[in-house]
Full PDB file with SEQRES, HELIX, SHEET, SSBOND, CRYST1, ORIGX, SCALE, CONECT and MASTER records, all heavy atoms in Angstrom:
SEQRES   1 A   32  MET SER ASN GLN PHE VAL ALA TRP TYR ARG GLN ALA PRO          
SEQRES   2 A   32  GLY LYS GLN ARG ASP LEU VAL ALA ALA ILE THR SER GLY          
SEQRES   3 A   32  GLY ARG ARG ASP TYR ALA                                      
SHEET    1 AA1 3 PHE A   5  ARG A  10  0                                        
SHEET    2 AA1 3 ASP A  18  THR A  24 -1                                        
SHEET    3 AA1 3 ARG A  29  TYR A  31 -1                                        
CRYST1    1.000    1.000    1.000  90.00  90.00  90.00 P 1           1          
ORIGX1      1.000000  0.000000  0.000000        0.00000                         
ORIGX2      0.000000  1.000000  0.000000        0.00000                         
ORIGX3      0.000000  0.000000  1.000000        0.00000                         
SCALE1      1.000000  0.000000  0.000000        0.00000                         
SCALE2      0.000000  1.000000  0.000000        0.00000                         
SCALE3      0.000000  0.000000  1.000000        0.00000                         
ATOM      1  N   MET A   1       0.836  -1.180   0.000  1.00  0.00           N  
ATOM      2  CA  MET A   1       0.000   0.000   0.000  1.00  0.00           C  
ATOM      3  C   MET A   1       0.881   1.243   0.000  1.00  0.00           C  
ATOM      4  O   MET A   1       2.066   1.184   0.310  1.00  0.00           O  
ATOM      5  CB  MET A   1      -0.903   0.001   1.235  1.00  0.00           C  
ATOM      6  CG  MET A   1      -1.724  -1.263   1.408  1.00  0.00           C  
ATOM      7  SD  MET A   1      -2.916  -1.499   0.091  1.00  0.00           S  
ATOM      8  CE  MET A   1      -4.071  -0.219   0.481  1.00  0.00           C  
ATOM      9  N   SER A   2       0.303   2.364  -0.328  1.00  0.00           N  
ATOM     10  CA  SER A   2       1.102   3.585  -0.399  1.00  0.00           C  
ATOM     11  C   SER A   2       1.531   4.060   0.973  1.00  0.00           C  
ATOM     12  O   SER A   2       2.590   4.655   1.138  1.00  0.00           O  
ATOM     13  CB  SER A   2       0.312   4.672  -1.118  1.00  0.00           C  
ATOM     14  OG  SER A   2      -0.898   4.939  -0.419  1.00  0.00           O  
ATOM     15  N   ASN A   3       0.720   3.820   1.997  1.00  0.00           N  
ATOM     16  CA  ASN A   3       1.031   4.318   3.331  1.00  0.00           C  
ATOM     17  C   ASN A   3       1.716   3.227   4.141  1.00  0.00           C  
ATOM     18  O   ASN A   3       1.054   2.445   4.821  1.00  0.00           O  
ATOM     19  CB  ASN A   3      -0.244   4.785   4.034  1.00  0.00           C  
ATOM     20  CG  ASN A   3       0.052   5.428   5.373  1.00  0.00           C  
ATOM     21  OD1 ASN A   3       1.159   5.895   5.600  1.00  0.00           O  
ATOM     22  ND2 ASN A   3      -0.920   5.428   6.255  1.00  0.00           N  
ATOM     23  N   GLN A   4       3.032   3.131   4.022  1.00  0.00           N  
ATOM     24  CA  GLN A   4       3.763   2.165   4.804  1.00  0.00           C  
ATOM     25  C   GLN A   4       5.096   2.771   5.240  1.00  0.00           C  
ATOM     26  O   GLN A   4       5.485   3.834   4.773  1.00  0.00           O  
ATOM     27  CB  GLN A   4       3.996   0.847   4.038  1.00  0.00           C  
ATOM     28  CG  GLN A   4       4.010   0.912   2.552  1.00  0.00           C  
ATOM     29  CD  GLN A   4       5.293   1.506   2.021  1.00  0.00           C  
ATOM     30  OE1 GLN A   4       6.308   1.576   2.680  1.00  0.00           O  
ATOM     31  NE2 GLN A   4       5.245   1.930   0.778  1.00  0.00           N  
ATOM     32  N   PHE A   5       5.738   2.086   6.122  1.00  0.00           N  
ATOM     33  CA  PHE A   5       6.887   2.569   6.860  1.00  0.00           C  
ATOM     34  C   PHE A   5       7.916   1.461   6.824  1.00  0.00           C  
ATOM     35  O   PHE A   5       7.575   0.308   7.055  1.00  0.00           O  
ATOM     36  CB  PHE A   5       6.377   2.855   8.283  1.00  0.00           C  
ATOM     37  CG  PHE A   5       7.401   3.228   9.303  1.00  0.00           C  
ATOM     38  CD1 PHE A   5       7.686   4.553   9.544  1.00  0.00           C  
ATOM     39  CD2 PHE A   5       8.025   2.274  10.073  1.00  0.00           C  
ATOM     40  CE1 PHE A   5       8.578   4.919  10.527  1.00  0.00           C  
ATOM     41  CE2 PHE A   5       8.934   2.624  11.061  1.00  0.00           C  
ATOM     42  CZ  PHE A   5       9.207   3.956  11.292  1.00  0.00           C  
ATOM     43  N   VAL A   6       9.160   1.797   6.475  1.00  0.00           N  
ATOM     44  CA  VAL A   6      10.188   0.772   6.358  1.00  0.00           C  
ATOM     45  C   VAL A   6      11.364   1.129   7.262  1.00  0.00           C  
ATOM     46  O   VAL A   6      11.753   2.308   7.339  1.00  0.00           O  
ATOM     47  CB  VAL A   6      10.668   0.636   4.907  1.00  0.00           C  
ATOM     48  CG1 VAL A   6      11.771  -0.416   4.804  1.00  0.00           C  
ATOM     49  CG2 VAL A   6       9.504   0.254   4.009  1.00  0.00           C  
ATOM     50  N   ALA A   7      11.925   0.127   7.911  1.00  0.00           N  
ATOM     51  CA  ALA A   7      13.051   0.347   8.806  1.00  0.00           C  
ATOM     52  C   ALA A   7      14.124  -0.700   8.566  1.00  0.00           C  
ATOM     53  O   ALA A   7      13.837  -1.817   8.119  1.00  0.00           O  
ATOM     54  CB  ALA A   7      12.584   0.288  10.261  1.00  0.00           C  
ATOM     55  N   TRP A   8      15.345  -0.312   8.866  1.00  0.00           N  
ATOM     56  CA  TRP A   8      16.468  -1.237   8.879  1.00  0.00           C  
ATOM     57  C   TRP A   8      16.855  -1.507  10.332  1.00  0.00           C  
ATOM     58  O   TRP A   8      16.913  -0.571  11.150  1.00  0.00           O  
ATOM     59  CB  TRP A   8      17.683  -0.655   8.151  1.00  0.00           C  
ATOM     60  CG  TRP A   8      17.594  -0.710   6.662  1.00  0.00           C  
ATOM     61  CD1 TRP A   8      17.175   0.279   5.826  1.00  0.00           C  
ATOM     62  CD2 TRP A   8      17.935  -1.819   5.828  1.00  0.00           C  
ATOM     63  NE1 TRP A   8      17.242  -0.146   4.522  1.00  0.00           N  
ATOM     64  CE2 TRP A   8      17.705  -1.422   4.501  1.00  0.00           C  
ATOM     65  CE3 TRP A   8      18.412  -3.103   6.077  1.00  0.00           C  
ATOM     66  CZ2 TRP A   8      17.939  -2.273   3.408  1.00  0.00           C  
ATOM     67  CZ3 TRP A   8      18.651  -3.946   4.999  1.00  0.00           C  
ATOM     68  CH2 TRP A   8      18.414  -3.526   3.691  1.00  0.00           C  
ATOM     69  N   TYR A   9      17.096  -2.785  10.610  1.00  0.00           N  
ATOM     70  CA  TYR A   9      17.555  -3.214  11.927  1.00  0.00           C  
ATOM     71  C   TYR A   9      18.865  -3.969  11.741  1.00  0.00           C  
ATOM     72  O   TYR A   9      19.181  -4.434  10.643  1.00  0.00           O  
ATOM     73  CB  TYR A   9      16.541  -4.168  12.575  1.00  0.00           C  
ATOM     74  CG  TYR A   9      15.252  -3.532  12.999  1.00  0.00           C  
ATOM     75  CD1 TYR A   9      14.277  -3.198  12.078  1.00  0.00           C  
ATOM     76  CD2 TYR A   9      14.978  -3.301  14.348  1.00  0.00           C  
ATOM     77  CE1 TYR A   9      13.078  -2.623  12.475  1.00  0.00           C  
ATOM     78  CE2 TYR A   9      13.777  -2.737  14.761  1.00  0.00           C  
ATOM     79  CZ  TYR A   9      12.835  -2.401  13.810  1.00  0.00           C  
ATOM     80  OH  TYR A   9      11.654  -1.843  14.211  1.00  0.00           O  
ATOM     81  N   ARG A  10      19.582  -4.149  12.846  1.00  0.00           N  
ATOM     82  CA  ARG A  10      20.756  -5.003  12.793  1.00  0.00           C  
ATOM     83  C   ARG A  10      20.835  -5.822  14.065  1.00  0.00           C  
ATOM     84  O   ARG A  10      20.325  -5.419  15.122  1.00  0.00           O  
ATOM     85  CB  ARG A  10      22.030  -4.196  12.583  1.00  0.00           C  
ATOM     86  CG  ARG A  10      22.391  -3.206  13.671  1.00  0.00           C  
ATOM     87  CD  ARG A  10      23.602  -2.399  13.224  1.00  0.00           C  
ATOM     88  NE  ARG A  10      24.045  -1.438  14.230  1.00  0.00           N  
ATOM     89  CZ  ARG A  10      25.031  -0.567  14.046  1.00  0.00           C  
ATOM     90  NH1 ARG A  10      25.686  -0.526  12.878  1.00  0.00           N  
ATOM     91  NH2 ARG A  10      25.379   0.273  15.003  1.00  0.00           N  
ATOM     92  N   GLN A  11      21.501  -6.968  13.911  1.00  0.00           N  
ATOM     93  CA  GLN A  11      21.547  -7.905  15.027  1.00  0.00           C  
ATOM     94  C   GLN A  11      22.854  -8.677  14.991  1.00  0.00           C  
ATOM     95  O   GLN A  11      23.225  -9.247  13.958  1.00  0.00           O  
ATOM     96  CB  GLN A  11      20.365  -8.871  14.944  1.00  0.00           C  
ATOM     97  CG  GLN A  11      20.261  -9.842  16.091  1.00  0.00           C  
ATOM     98  CD  GLN A  11      19.013 -10.706  15.991  1.00  0.00           C  
ATOM     99  OE1 GLN A  11      18.517 -11.002  14.911  1.00  0.00           O  
ATOM    100  NE2 GLN A  11      18.489 -11.105  17.141  1.00  0.00           N  
ATOM    101  N   ALA A  12      23.522  -8.711  16.129  1.00  0.00           N  
ATOM    102  CA  ALA A  12      24.711  -9.542  16.306  1.00  0.00           C  
ATOM    103  C   ALA A  12      24.274 -10.857  16.947  1.00  0.00           C  
ATOM    104  O   ALA A  12      23.245 -10.910  17.629  1.00  0.00           O  
ATOM    105  CB  ALA A  12      25.724  -8.820  17.185  1.00  0.00           C  
ATOM    106  N   PRO A  13      25.042 -11.917  16.754  1.00  0.00           N  
ATOM    107  CA  PRO A  13      24.675 -13.211  17.347  1.00  0.00           C  
ATOM    108  C   PRO A  13      24.466 -13.112  18.851  1.00  0.00           C  
ATOM    109  O   PRO A  13      25.300 -12.543  19.566  1.00  0.00           O  
ATOM    110  CB  PRO A  13      25.875 -14.101  17.008  1.00  0.00           C  
ATOM    111  CG  PRO A  13      26.438 -13.508  15.773  1.00  0.00           C  
ATOM    112  CD  PRO A  13      26.247 -12.019  15.926  1.00  0.00           C  
ATOM    113  N   GLY A  14      23.339 -13.610  19.328  1.00  0.00           N  
ATOM    114  CA  GLY A  14      23.055 -13.614  20.751  1.00  0.00           C  
ATOM    115  C   GLY A  14      22.581 -12.301  21.316  1.00  0.00           C  
ATOM    116  O   GLY A  14      22.378 -12.177  22.527  1.00  0.00           O  
ATOM    117  N   LYS A  15      22.396 -11.315  20.447  1.00  0.00           N  
ATOM    118  CA  LYS A  15      21.949 -10.005  20.931  1.00  0.00           C  
ATOM    119  C   LYS A  15      20.601  -9.649  20.317  1.00  0.00           C  
ATOM    120  O   LYS A  15      20.136 -10.279  19.376  1.00  0.00           O  
ATOM    121  CB  LYS A  15      22.993  -8.940  20.594  1.00  0.00           C  
ATOM    122  CG  LYS A  15      24.318  -9.142  21.308  1.00  0.00           C  
ATOM    123  CD  LYS A  15      25.220  -7.952  21.120  1.00  0.00           C  
ATOM    124  CE  LYS A  15      26.507  -8.115  21.921  1.00  0.00           C  
ATOM    125  NZ  LYS A  15      27.409  -6.940  21.759  1.00  0.00           N  
ATOM    126  N   GLN A  16      19.978  -8.615  20.859  1.00  0.00           N  
ATOM    127  CA  GLN A  16      18.677  -8.206  20.348  1.00  0.00           C  
ATOM    128  C   GLN A  16      18.845  -7.475  19.021  1.00  0.00           C  
ATOM    129  O   GLN A  16      19.914  -6.991  18.690  1.00  0.00           O  
ATOM    130  CB  GLN A  16      17.973  -7.299  21.353  1.00  0.00           C  
ATOM    131  CG  GLN A  16      18.621  -5.934  21.542  1.00  0.00           C  
ATOM    132  CD  GLN A  16      17.871  -5.068  22.546  1.00  0.00           C  
ATOM    133  OE1 GLN A  16      17.138  -5.556  23.393  1.00  0.00           O  
ATOM    134  NE2 GLN A  16      18.058  -3.770  22.456  1.00  0.00           N  
ATOM    135  N   ARG A  17      17.751  -7.419  18.298  1.00  0.00           N  
ATOM    136  CA  ARG A  17      17.744  -6.732  17.016  1.00  0.00           C  
ATOM    137  C   ARG A  17      17.460  -5.259  17.274  1.00  0.00           C  
ATOM    138  O   ARG A  17      16.444  -4.898  17.888  1.00  0.00           O  
ATOM    139  CB  ARG A  17      16.653  -7.345  16.122  1.00  0.00           C  
ATOM    140  CG  ARG A  17      16.790  -7.068  14.668  1.00  0.00           C  
ATOM    141  CD  ARG A  17      15.873  -7.955  13.852  1.00  0.00           C  
ATOM    142  NE  ARG A  17      16.331  -9.331  13.799  1.00  0.00           N  
ATOM    143  CZ  ARG A  17      15.774 -10.259  13.034  1.00  0.00           C  
ATOM    144  NH1 ARG A  17      14.733  -9.958  12.258  1.00  0.00           N  
ATOM    145  NH2 ARG A  17      16.234 -11.499  13.044  1.00  0.00           N  
ATOM    146  N   ASP A  18      18.348  -4.391  16.837  1.00  0.00           N  
ATOM    147  CA  ASP A  18      18.250  -2.967  17.130  1.00  0.00           C  
ATOM    148  C   ASP A  18      17.889  -2.161  15.887  1.00  0.00           C  
ATOM    149  O   ASP A  18      18.378  -2.442  14.785  1.00  0.00           O  
ATOM    150  CB  ASP A  18      19.588  -2.437  17.675  1.00  0.00           C  
ATOM    151  CG  ASP A  18      19.932  -3.005  19.037  1.00  0.00           C  
ATOM    152  OD1 ASP A  18      19.001  -3.238  19.841  1.00  0.00           O  
ATOM    153  OD2 ASP A  18      21.132  -3.205  19.303  1.00  0.00           O  
ATOM    154  N   LEU A  19      17.097  -1.134  16.090  1.00  0.00           N  
ATOM    155  CA  LEU A  19      16.730  -0.234  15.005  1.00  0.00           C  
ATOM    156  C   LEU A  19      17.931   0.596  14.574  1.00  0.00           C  
ATOM    157  O   LEU A  19      18.650   1.147  15.413  1.00  0.00           O  
ATOM    158  CB  LEU A  19      15.598   0.689  15.457  1.00  0.00           C  
ATOM    159  CG  LEU A  19      15.116   1.711  14.439  1.00  0.00           C  
ATOM    160  CD1 LEU A  19      14.429   1.018  13.266  1.00  0.00           C  
ATOM    161  CD2 LEU A  19      14.161   2.695  15.111  1.00  0.00           C  
ATOM    162  N   VAL A  20      18.133   0.680  13.277  1.00  0.00           N  
ATOM    163  CA  VAL A  20      19.232   1.462  12.719  1.00  0.00           C  
ATOM    164  C   VAL A  20      18.709   2.744  12.076  1.00  0.00           C  
ATOM    165  O   VAL A  20      19.202   3.835  12.333  1.00  0.00           O  
ATOM    166  CB  VAL A  20      20.008   0.643  11.671  1.00  0.00           C  
ATOM    167  CG1 VAL A  20      21.088   1.494  11.004  1.00  0.00           C  
ATOM    168  CG2 VAL A  20      20.623  -0.590  12.304  1.00  0.00           C  
ATOM    169  N   ALA A  21      17.713   2.609  11.223  1.00  0.00           N  
ATOM    170  CA  ALA A  21      17.175   3.758  10.500  1.00  0.00           C  
ATOM    171  C   ALA A  21      15.769   3.415  10.027  1.00  0.00           C  
ATOM    172  O   ALA A  21      15.431   2.240   9.854  1.00  0.00           O  
ATOM    173  CB  ALA A  21      18.048   4.116   9.305  1.00  0.00           C  
ATOM    174  N   ALA A  22      14.968   4.450   9.811  1.00  0.00           N  
ATOM    175  CA  ALA A  22      13.598   4.250   9.362  1.00  0.00           C  
ATOM    176  C   ALA A  22      13.195   5.379   8.439  1.00  0.00           C  
ATOM    177  O   ALA A  22      13.723   6.500   8.536  1.00  0.00           O  
ATOM    178  CB  ALA A  22      12.655   4.175  10.554  1.00  0.00           C  
ATOM    179  N   ILE A  23      12.239   5.080   7.564  1.00  0.00           N  
ATOM    180  CA  ILE A  23      11.757   6.090   6.641  1.00  0.00           C  
ATOM    181  C   ILE A  23      10.265   5.870   6.402  1.00  0.00           C  
ATOM    182  O   ILE A  23       9.812   4.736   6.220  1.00  0.00           O  
ATOM    183  CB  ILE A  23      12.553   6.050   5.317  1.00  0.00           C  
ATOM    184  CG1 ILE A  23      12.181   7.226   4.414  1.00  0.00           C  
ATOM    185  CG2 ILE A  23      12.388   4.720   4.594  1.00  0.00           C  
ATOM    186  CD1 ILE A  23      13.146   7.436   3.258  1.00  0.00           C  
ATOM    187  N   THR A  24       9.512   6.959   6.426  1.00  0.00           N  
ATOM    188  CA  THR A  24       8.078   6.865   6.172  1.00  0.00           C  
ATOM    189  C   THR A  24       7.810   6.938   4.670  1.00  0.00           C  
ATOM    190  O   THR A  24       8.704   7.253   3.880  1.00  0.00           O  
ATOM    191  CB  THR A  24       7.324   7.999   6.866  1.00  0.00           C  
ATOM    192  OG1 THR A  24       7.702   9.249   6.235  1.00  0.00           O  
ATOM    193  CG2 THR A  24       7.651   8.062   8.344  1.00  0.00           C  
ATOM    194  N   SER A  25       6.575   6.679   4.298  1.00  0.00           N  
ATOM    195  CA  SER A  25       6.202   6.767   2.887  1.00  0.00           C  
ATOM    196  C   SER A  25       6.373   8.187   2.370  1.00  0.00           C  
ATOM    197  O   SER A  25       6.589   8.397   1.175  1.00  0.00           O  
ATOM    198  CB  SER A  25       4.777   6.282   2.676  1.00  0.00           C  
ATOM    199  OG  SER A  25       3.881   6.998   3.506  1.00  0.00           O  
ATOM    200  N   GLY A  26       6.291   9.171   3.267  1.00  0.00           N  
ATOM    201  CA  GLY A  26       6.474  10.555   2.872  1.00  0.00           C  
ATOM    202  C   GLY A  26       7.909  11.021   2.871  1.00  0.00           C  
ATOM    203  O   GLY A  26       8.202  12.167   2.534  1.00  0.00           O  
ATOM    204  N   GLY A  27       8.828  10.129   3.286  1.00  0.00           N  
ATOM    205  CA  GLY A  27      10.239  10.464   3.243  1.00  0.00           C  
ATOM    206  C   GLY A  27      10.837  10.965   4.545  1.00  0.00           C  
ATOM    207  O   GLY A  27      12.013  11.338   4.592  1.00  0.00           O  
ATOM    208  N   ARG A  28      10.048  10.979   5.627  1.00  0.00           N  
ATOM    209  CA  ARG A  28      10.605  11.381   6.918  1.00  0.00           C  
ATOM    210  C   ARG A  28      11.556  10.294   7.398  1.00  0.00           C  
ATOM    211  O   ARG A  28      11.224   9.118   7.353  1.00  0.00           O  
ATOM    212  CB  ARG A  28       9.499  11.606   7.930  1.00  0.00           C  
ATOM    213  CG  ARG A  28      10.010  12.003   9.294  1.00  0.00           C  
ATOM    214  CD  ARG A  28       8.874  12.256  10.257  1.00  0.00           C  
ATOM    215  NE  ARG A  28       9.374  12.487  11.615  1.00  0.00           N  
ATOM    216  CZ  ARG A  28       8.587  12.743  12.661  1.00  0.00           C  
ATOM    217  NH1 ARG A  28       7.288  12.809  12.504  1.00  0.00           N  
ATOM    218  NH2 ARG A  28       9.114  12.935  13.841  1.00  0.00           N  
ATOM    219  N   ARG A  29      12.715  10.680   7.911  1.00  0.00           N  
ATOM    220  CA  ARG A  29      13.755   9.728   8.296  1.00  0.00           C  
ATOM    221  C   ARG A  29      14.109   9.858   9.763  1.00  0.00           C  
ATOM    222  O   ARG A  29      14.036  10.940  10.336  1.00  0.00           O  
ATOM    223  CB  ARG A  29      15.011   9.962   7.459  1.00  0.00           C  
ATOM    224  CG  ARG A  29      14.768   9.984   5.973  1.00  0.00           C  
ATOM    225  CD  ARG A  29      16.000  10.414   5.229  1.00  0.00           C  
ATOM    226  NE  ARG A  29      15.681  10.700   3.840  1.00  0.00           N  
ATOM    227  CZ  ARG A  29      16.566  11.117   2.961  1.00  0.00           C  
ATOM    228  NH1 ARG A  29      17.824  11.289   3.313  1.00  0.00           N  
ATOM    229  NH2 ARG A  29      16.206  11.355   1.712  1.00  0.00           N  
ATOM    230  N   ASP A  30      14.575   8.746  10.313  1.00  0.00           N  
ATOM    231  CA  ASP A  30      15.059   8.748  11.687  1.00  0.00           C  
ATOM    232  C   ASP A  30      16.215   7.754  11.767  1.00  0.00           C  
ATOM    233  O   ASP A  30      16.232   6.754  11.034  1.00  0.00           O  
ATOM    234  CB  ASP A  30      13.944   8.346  12.650  1.00  0.00           C  
ATOM    235  CG  ASP A  30      14.271   8.717  14.082  1.00  0.00           C  
ATOM    236  OD1 ASP A  30      15.219   9.496  14.315  1.00  0.00           O  
ATOM    237  OD2 ASP A  30      13.568   8.232  14.985  1.00  0.00           O  
ATOM    238  N   TYR A  31      17.181   8.045  12.653  1.00  0.00           N  
ATOM    239  CA  TYR A  31      18.381   7.233  12.753  1.00  0.00           C  
ATOM    240  C   TYR A  31      18.736   6.948  14.205  1.00  0.00           C  
ATOM    241  O   TYR A  31      18.491   7.771  15.088  1.00  0.00           O  
ATOM    242  CB  TYR A  31      19.579   7.949  12.112  1.00  0.00           C  
ATOM    243  CG  TYR A  31      19.436   8.223  10.644  1.00  0.00           C  
ATOM    244  CD1 TYR A  31      18.921   9.437  10.197  1.00  0.00           C  
ATOM    245  CD2 TYR A  31      19.795   7.268   9.699  1.00  0.00           C  
ATOM    246  CE1 TYR A  31      18.787   9.693   8.848  1.00  0.00           C  
ATOM    247  CE2 TYR A  31      19.656   7.516   8.336  1.00  0.00           C  
ATOM    248  CZ  TYR A  31      19.148   8.733   7.926  1.00  0.00           C  
ATOM    249  OH  TYR A  31      19.010   8.980   6.580  1.00  0.00           O  
ATOM    250  N   ALA A  32      19.366   5.812  14.427  1.00  0.00           N  
ATOM    251  CA  ALA A  32      19.976   5.539  15.722  1.00  0.00           C  
ATOM    252  C   ALA A  32      21.157   6.483  15.904  1.00  0.00           C  
ATOM    253  O   ALA A  32      21.837   6.846  14.931  1.00  0.00           O  
ATOM    254  CB  ALA A  32      20.433   4.087  15.798  1.00  0.00           C  
TER     255      ALA A  32                                                      
MASTER        0    0    0    0    3    0    0    6  254    1    0    3          
END                                                                             
């Protein structure tokens, strides 16, 4: 759909998955 939100995460073995960066459908961005 047009209204969606995508993020990148990263994870090391044995650790939690952490947010790295995100972007909205409108182009708003956020970073760790």
